[in-house]
Amino acid sequence: MIAQLRGILSHTADTHAIIDVQGVGYLVHISGRTQGQLAAQDGAVTVLTEMIVREDSMTLYGFHDASEREPNYCPGPYRYGSV
């Protein structure tokens, strides 16, 4: 599992960001709140992540801080619904 990424923000959009960690770009799905927090930072950024593994995909969801991640907690395969 990937629990955290620290690197340079190379791209950001409404629903995702690409974080360059030592030359590897990770696509991370983010909320508008996290996008706003990342856009305000210069240099290296840190994103807490949840990695969801499904039969046909591996998806990273990113959160600016633990308080944003924890309210979404719901164990099991339906944690993120259709996101």
N, C-alpha and C. Protein backbone atom coordinates (compact mmCIF):
# COMPACT_ATOMS: atom_id res chain seq x y z
N MET A 1 0.84 -1.18 0.00
CA MET A 1 0.00 0.00 0.00
C MET A 1 0.88 1.24 0.00
N ILE A 2 0.43 2.27 -0.68
CA ILE A 2 1.12 3.55 -0.68
C ILE A 2 0.34 4.47 0.26
N ALA A 3 0.94 4.85 1.38
CA ALA A 3 0.24 5.63 2.40
C ALA A 3 0.53 7.12 2.32
N GLN A 4 1.63 7.50 1.67
CA GLN A 4 2.02 8.91 1.61
C GLN A 4 2.96 9.12 0.44
N LEU A 5 2.83 10.28 -0.20
CA LEU A 5 3.75 10.68 -1.25
C LEU A 5 4.33 12.04 -0.89
N ARG A 6 5.64 12.20 -1.12
CA ARG A 6 6.29 13.49 -0.94
C ARG A 6 7.10 13.76 -2.20
N GLY A 7 6.82 14.88 -2.84
CA GLY A 7 7.54 15.21 -4.06
C GLY A 7 7.13 16.57 -4.59
N ILE A 8 7.45 16.79 -5.86
CA ILE A 8 7.16 18.07 -6.51
C ILE A 8 5.84 17.96 -7.26
N LEU A 9 4.98 18.94 -7.08
CA LEU A 9 3.70 18.97 -7.79
C LEU A 9 3.97 19.38 -9.23
N SER A 10 3.77 18.45 -10.17
CA SER A 10 4.08 18.77 -11.57
C SER A 10 2.84 19.15 -12.36
N HIS A 11 1.64 18.80 -11.88
CA HIS A 11 0.39 19.15 -12.57
C HIS A 11 -0.74 19.04 -11.58
N THR A 12 -1.71 19.94 -11.71
CA THR A 12 -2.91 19.85 -10.88
C THR A 12 -4.13 20.23 -11.72
N ALA A 13 -5.24 19.58 -11.42
CA ALA A 13 -6.52 19.85 -12.08
C ALA A 13 -7.60 19.76 -11.01
N ASP A 14 -8.86 19.91 -11.43
CA ASP A 14 -9.96 19.88 -10.46
C ASP A 14 -10.06 18.56 -9.71
N THR A 15 -9.76 17.45 -10.37
CA THR A 15 -9.99 16.13 -9.78
C THR A 15 -8.74 15.31 -9.54
N HIS A 16 -7.59 15.79 -10.00
CA HIS A 16 -6.37 15.00 -9.82
C HIS A 16 -5.13 15.87 -9.81
N ALA A 17 -4.05 15.28 -9.38
CA ALA A 17 -2.75 15.92 -9.39
C ALA A 17 -1.71 14.89 -9.79
N ILE A 18 -0.60 15.36 -10.33
CA ILE A 18 0.53 14.48 -10.61
C ILE A 18 1.67 14.95 -9.73
N ILE A 19 2.17 14.04 -8.91
CA ILE A 19 3.25 14.35 -7.99
C ILE A 19 4.48 13.58 -8.45
N ASP A 20 5.56 14.32 -8.72
CA ASP A 20 6.82 13.74 -9.17
C ASP A 20 7.65 13.37 -7.94
N VAL A 21 7.83 12.07 -7.74
CA VAL A 21 8.63 11.58 -6.62
C VAL A 21 9.88 10.94 -7.21
N GLN A 22 10.98 11.68 -7.18
CA GLN A 22 12.27 11.23 -7.71
C GLN A 22 12.16 10.69 -9.13
N GLY A 23 11.47 11.44 -9.99
CA GLY A 23 11.37 11.09 -11.41
C GLY A 23 10.20 10.22 -11.79
N VAL A 24 9.41 9.76 -10.83
CA VAL A 24 8.22 8.95 -11.12
C VAL A 24 7.00 9.81 -10.83
N GLY A 25 6.12 9.97 -11.84
CA GLY A 25 4.91 10.77 -11.67
C GLY A 25 3.74 9.92 -11.22
N TYR A 26 3.18 10.22 -10.07
CA TYR A 26 2.02 9.50 -9.53
C TYR A 26 0.77 10.32 -9.76
N LEU A 27 -0.22 9.73 -10.42
CA LEU A 27 -1.53 10.36 -10.60
C LEU A 27 -2.35 10.08 -9.35
N VAL A 28 -2.79 11.15 -8.69
CA VAL A 28 -3.53 11.03 -7.44
C VAL A 28 -4.85 11.76 -7.59
N HIS A 29 -5.96 11.07 -7.34
CA HIS A 29 -7.28 11.70 -7.37
C HIS A 29 -7.47 12.48 -6.08
N ILE A 30 -7.90 13.75 -6.21
CA ILE A 30 -7.99 14.62 -5.04
C ILE A 30 -9.31 15.38 -5.02
N SER A 31 -9.64 15.88 -3.84
CA SER A 31 -10.83 16.73 -3.68
C SER A 31 -10.47 18.17 -4.01
N GLY A 32 -11.47 19.00 -4.13
CA GLY A 32 -11.23 20.43 -4.35
C GLY A 32 -10.49 21.06 -3.20
N ARG A 33 -10.76 20.60 -1.99
CA ARG A 33 -10.06 21.13 -0.80
C ARG A 33 -8.57 20.83 -0.89
N THR A 34 -8.24 19.59 -1.21
CA THR A 34 -6.83 19.22 -1.33
C THR A 34 -6.17 19.95 -2.50
N GLN A 35 -6.88 20.10 -3.60
CA GLN A 35 -6.33 20.81 -4.75
C GLN A 35 -5.98 22.24 -4.37
N GLY A 36 -6.84 22.91 -3.63
CA GLY A 36 -6.57 24.27 -3.19
C GLY A 36 -5.37 24.36 -2.26
N GLN A 37 -5.24 23.40 -1.36
CA GLN A 37 -4.11 23.38 -0.43
C GLN A 37 -2.80 23.14 -1.17
N LEU A 38 -2.81 22.23 -2.15
CA LEU A 38 -1.60 21.94 -2.91
C LEU A 38 -1.18 23.13 -3.77
N ALA A 39 -2.15 23.80 -4.37
CA ALA A 39 -1.85 24.94 -5.24
C ALA A 39 -1.18 26.08 -4.45
N ALA A 40 -1.47 26.16 -3.16
CA ALA A 40 -0.92 27.23 -2.33
C ALA A 40 0.51 26.95 -1.86
N GLN A 41 1.01 25.74 -2.09
CA GLN A 41 2.34 25.36 -1.62
C GLN A 41 3.38 25.53 -2.71
N ASP A 42 4.58 25.92 -2.30
CA ASP A 42 5.72 26.00 -3.21
C ASP A 42 6.68 24.85 -2.87
N GLY A 43 7.37 24.36 -3.88
CA GLY A 43 8.37 23.31 -3.64
C GLY A 43 7.74 21.96 -3.41
N ALA A 44 8.29 21.21 -2.45
CA ALA A 44 7.83 19.85 -2.19
C ALA A 44 6.46 19.86 -1.50
N VAL A 45 5.63 18.90 -1.86
CA VAL A 45 4.32 18.72 -1.24
C VAL A 45 4.25 17.32 -0.64
N THR A 46 3.41 17.16 0.34
CA THR A 46 3.15 15.85 0.95
C THR A 46 1.66 15.59 0.88
N VAL A 47 1.30 14.39 0.41
CA VAL A 47 -0.10 13.99 0.30
C VAL A 47 -0.26 12.64 0.97
N LEU A 48 -1.22 12.54 1.89
CA LEU A 48 -1.58 11.24 2.45
C LEU A 48 -2.43 10.52 1.41
N THR A 49 -2.27 9.22 1.27
CA THR A 49 -2.98 8.52 0.21
C THR A 49 -3.66 7.25 0.70
N GLU A 50 -4.64 6.85 -0.06
CA GLU A 50 -5.27 5.54 0.07
C GLU A 50 -5.18 4.90 -1.30
N MET A 51 -4.70 3.69 -1.36
CA MET A 51 -4.58 2.98 -2.63
C MET A 51 -5.67 1.93 -2.70
N ILE A 52 -6.50 2.04 -3.73
CA ILE A 52 -7.60 1.11 -3.93
C ILE A 52 -7.23 0.19 -5.09
N VAL A 53 -7.20 -1.11 -4.81
CA VAL A 53 -6.85 -2.10 -5.83
C VAL A 53 -8.12 -2.84 -6.22
N ARG A 54 -8.42 -2.79 -7.50
CA ARG A 54 -9.58 -3.50 -8.04
C ARG A 54 -9.09 -4.45 -9.12
N GLU A 55 -9.97 -5.26 -9.61
CA GLU A 55 -9.61 -6.24 -10.63
C GLU A 55 -8.96 -5.58 -11.85
N ASP A 56 -9.44 -4.41 -12.23
CA ASP A 56 -8.97 -3.77 -13.46
C ASP A 56 -8.21 -2.46 -13.24
N SER A 57 -7.93 -2.09 -11.98
CA SER A 57 -7.22 -0.83 -11.76
C SER A 57 -6.59 -0.77 -10.37
N MET A 58 -5.61 0.11 -10.25
CA MET A 58 -5.04 0.50 -8.96
C MET A 58 -5.11 2.02 -8.94
N THR A 59 -5.82 2.58 -7.97
CA THR A 59 -6.09 4.01 -7.95
C THR A 59 -5.63 4.61 -6.63
N LEU A 60 -4.96 5.76 -6.72
CA LEU A 60 -4.54 6.49 -5.53
C LEU A 60 -5.48 7.66 -5.30
N TYR A 61 -5.96 7.79 -4.07
CA TYR A 61 -6.75 8.94 -3.64
C TYR A 61 -5.90 9.71 -2.65
N GLY A 62 -5.80 11.02 -2.84
CA GLY A 62 -4.94 11.83 -2.00
C GLY A 62 -5.70 12.78 -1.10
N PHE A 63 -5.12 13.04 0.07
CA PHE A 63 -5.72 13.92 1.06
C PHE A 63 -4.64 14.83 1.63
N HIS A 64 -4.99 16.09 1.82
CA HIS A 64 -4.02 17.04 2.34
C HIS A 64 -3.63 16.73 3.78
N ASP A 65 -4.59 16.27 4.59
CA ASP A 65 -4.27 15.94 5.97
C ASP A 65 -5.15 14.80 6.46
N ALA A 66 -4.83 14.29 7.63
CA ALA A 66 -5.53 13.13 8.17
C ALA A 66 -7.00 13.42 8.45
N SER A 67 -7.32 14.66 8.82
CA SER A 67 -8.72 14.98 9.12
C SER A 67 -9.60 14.86 7.88
N GLU A 68 -9.04 15.12 6.71
CA GLU A 68 -9.81 14.96 5.48
C GLU A 68 -9.98 13.49 5.14
N ARG A 69 -8.98 12.70 5.42
CA ARG A 69 -9.04 11.28 5.09
C ARG A 69 -9.95 10.51 6.04
N GLU A 70 -9.87 10.74 7.33
CA GLU A 70 -10.59 9.94 8.32
C GLU A 70 -12.11 9.99 8.23
N PRO A 71 -12.76 11.12 7.98
CA PRO A 71 -14.22 11.11 7.90
C PRO A 71 -14.74 10.23 6.76
N ASN A 72 -13.91 9.94 5.80
CA ASN A 72 -14.33 9.10 4.67
C ASN A 72 -14.17 7.62 4.96
N TYR A 73 -13.75 7.28 6.18
CA TYR A 73 -13.45 5.89 6.46
C TYR A 73 -14.71 5.03 6.45
N CYS A 74 -14.65 3.99 5.67
CA CYS A 74 -15.72 3.00 5.59
C CYS A 74 -15.07 1.74 5.03
N PRO A 75 -14.70 0.79 5.88
CA PRO A 75 -13.97 -0.37 5.39
C PRO A 75 -14.76 -1.17 4.37
N GLY A 76 -14.05 -1.85 3.53
CA GLY A 76 -14.68 -2.71 2.54
C GLY A 76 -14.56 -2.17 1.14
N PRO A 77 -15.07 -2.92 0.18
CA PRO A 77 -14.88 -2.56 -1.23
C PRO A 77 -15.68 -1.36 -1.69
N TYR A 78 -16.60 -0.85 -0.88
CA TYR A 78 -17.45 0.26 -1.31
C TYR A 78 -17.01 1.58 -0.73
N ARG A 79 -15.81 1.62 -0.23
CA ARG A 79 -15.30 2.81 0.45
C ARG A 79 -15.43 4.08 -0.38
N TYR A 80 -15.09 4.03 -1.65
CA TYR A 80 -15.11 5.23 -2.47
C TYR A 80 -16.21 5.19 -3.52
N GLY A 81 -17.15 4.26 -3.40
CA GLY A 81 -18.27 4.21 -4.34
C GLY A 81 -17.81 4.15 -5.76
N SER A 82 -18.35 4.99 -6.61
CA SER A 82 -18.03 4.95 -8.03
C SER A 82 -16.98 5.96 -8.42
N VAL A 83 -16.32 6.61 -7.44
CA VAL A 83 -15.28 7.59 -7.75
C VAL A 83 -14.12 6.92 -8.45
